[in-house]
Amino acid sequence: MFLEDKIQISEPGTLVHIPKNTPHCAMTIDNSTKFFSVKSPSGNGKLVQDFVQAENHEEILHKLSNS
């Protein structure tokens, strides 16, 4: 998981709080990964409702894939 400027591997049961307007990205390591996401306020309930792709999103994905 990339959160602001840090990369971390989250173990099962890990709770990750992502403050509003914080750059973040997640990449799965294996096929058994599951996410449970809570968004508040929920708006229309769709996570993409307030999605904004970071200007350096390709750099972030490259860092994640090389970690």
C-alpha atoms as a PDB file:
ATOM      1  CA  MET A   1       0.000   0.000   0.000  1.00  0.00           C
ATOM      2  CA  PHE A   2       1.189   3.470  -0.853  1.00  0.00           C
ATOM      3  CA  LEU A   3      -0.024   6.125   1.595  1.00  0.00           C
ATOM      4  CA  GLU A   4       1.199   9.709   1.131  1.00  0.00           C
ATOM      5  CA  ASP A   5       4.915   9.036   0.637  1.00  0.00           C
ATOM      6  CA  LYS A   6       5.321   5.643   2.347  1.00  0.00           C
ATOM      7  CA  ILE A   7       5.059   2.099   1.026  1.00  0.00           C
ATOM      8  CA  GLN A   8       4.017  -0.689   3.407  1.00  0.00           C
ATOM      9  CA  ILE A   9       2.888  -4.291   3.173  1.00  0.00           C
ATOM     10  CA  SER A  10      -0.273  -4.782   5.185  1.00  0.00           C
ATOM     11  CA  GLU A  11      -0.824  -8.104   6.919  1.00  0.00           C
ATOM     12  CA  PRO A  12      -4.263  -9.745   7.310  1.00  0.00           C
ATOM     13  CA  GLY A  13      -6.433  -7.802   9.741  1.00  0.00           C
ATOM     14  CA  THR A  14      -4.541  -4.546   9.261  1.00  0.00           C
ATOM     15  CA  LEU A  15      -6.633  -1.398   9.587  1.00  0.00           C
ATOM     16  CA  VAL A  16      -5.492   1.454   7.369  1.00  0.00           C
ATOM     17  CA  HIS A  17      -7.002   4.896   7.962  1.00  0.00           C
ATOM     18  CA  ILE A  18      -6.752   7.161   4.934  1.00  0.00           C
ATOM     19  CA  PRO A  19      -7.525  10.784   5.790  1.00  0.00           C
ATOM     20  CA  LYS A  20      -9.496  12.817   3.252  1.00  0.00           C
ATOM     21  CA  ASN A  21      -7.416  14.154   0.335  1.00  0.00           C
ATOM     22  CA  THR A  22      -4.474  11.845   1.124  1.00  0.00           C
ATOM     23  CA  PRO A  23      -2.744  10.328  -1.934  1.00  0.00           C
ATOM     24  CA  HIS A  24      -2.998   6.525  -1.717  1.00  0.00           C
ATOM     25  CA  CYS A  25      -2.890   3.392  -3.826  1.00  0.00           C
ATOM     26  CA  ALA A  26      -3.019  -0.346  -3.174  1.00  0.00           C
ATOM     27  CA  MET A  27      -1.668  -3.300  -5.098  1.00  0.00           C
ATOM     28  CA  THR A  28      -2.370  -6.949  -4.343  1.00  0.00           C
ATOM     29  CA  ILE A  29       0.486  -9.398  -3.828  1.00  0.00           C
ATOM     30  CA  ASP A  30      -1.532 -12.589  -4.300  1.00  0.00           C
ATOM     31  CA  ASN A  31      -4.964 -13.669  -5.454  1.00  0.00           C
ATOM     32  CA  SER A  32      -6.410 -14.098  -1.961  1.00  0.00           C
ATOM     33  CA  THR A  33      -6.443 -10.404  -1.082  1.00  0.00           C
ATOM     34  CA  LYS A  34      -9.701  -8.930   0.212  1.00  0.00           C
ATOM     35  CA  PHE A  35     -10.499  -5.324   1.032  1.00  0.00           C
ATOM     36  CA  PHE A  36     -13.251  -3.895   3.168  1.00  0.00           C
ATOM     37  CA  SER A  37     -13.665  -0.196   2.624  1.00  0.00           C
ATOM     38  CA  VAL A  38     -15.728   2.319   4.584  1.00  0.00           C
ATOM     39  CA  LYS A  39     -16.183   5.779   3.148  1.00  0.00           C
ATOM     40  CA  SER A  40     -17.717   8.577   5.170  1.00  0.00           C
ATOM     41  CA  PRO A  41     -19.584  10.624   4.226  1.00  0.00           C
ATOM     42  CA  SER A  42     -20.772   8.106   1.674  1.00  0.00           C
ATOM     43  CA  GLY A  43     -22.179  10.414  -1.012  1.00  0.00           C
ATOM     44  CA  ASN A  44     -23.765   8.086  -3.569  1.00  0.00           C
ATOM     45  CA  GLY A  45     -21.810   5.101  -2.201  1.00  0.00           C
ATOM     46  CA  LYS A  46     -19.489   4.714  -5.180  1.00  0.00           C
ATOM     47  CA  LEU A  47     -15.786   4.857  -4.318  1.00  0.00           C
ATOM     48  CA  VAL A  48     -15.006   6.465  -7.672  1.00  0.00           C
ATOM     49  CA  GLN A  49     -17.271   9.414  -6.875  1.00  0.00           C
ATOM     50  CA  ASP A  50     -14.379  11.501  -5.587  1.00  0.00           C
ATOM     51  CA  PHE A  51     -11.567   9.698  -7.451  1.00  0.00           C
ATOM     52  CA  VAL A  52      -8.766  11.961  -8.619  1.00  0.00           C
ATOM     53  CA  GLN A  53      -5.748  10.369 -10.244  1.00  0.00           C
ATOM     54  CA  ALA A  54      -2.487  11.774  -8.890  1.00  0.00           C
ATOM     55  CA  GLU A  55      -0.266  13.563 -11.377  1.00  0.00           C
ATOM     56  CA  ASN A  56       2.544  11.107 -10.580  1.00  0.00           C
ATOM     57  CA  HIS A  57       0.346   7.977 -10.534  1.00  0.00           C
ATOM     58  CA  GLU A  58       2.618   6.092 -12.951  1.00  0.00           C
ATOM     59  CA  GLU A  59       5.628   6.748 -10.681  1.00  0.00           C
ATOM     60  CA  ILE A  60       3.665   5.501  -7.657  1.00  0.00           C
ATOM     61  CA  LEU A  61       2.620   2.289  -9.436  1.00  0.00           C
ATOM     62  CA  HIS A  62       6.220   1.734 -10.537  1.00  0.00           C
ATOM     63  CA  LYS A  63       7.430   2.078  -6.921  1.00  0.00           C
ATOM     64  CA  LEU A  64       4.781  -0.366  -5.719  1.00  0.00           C
ATOM     65  CA  SER A  65       5.583  -2.970  -8.348  1.00  0.00           C
ATOM     66  CA  ASN A  66       9.314  -2.802  -7.513  1.00  0.00           C
ATOM     67  CA  SER A  67       8.857  -3.123  -3.730  1.00  0.00           C
END
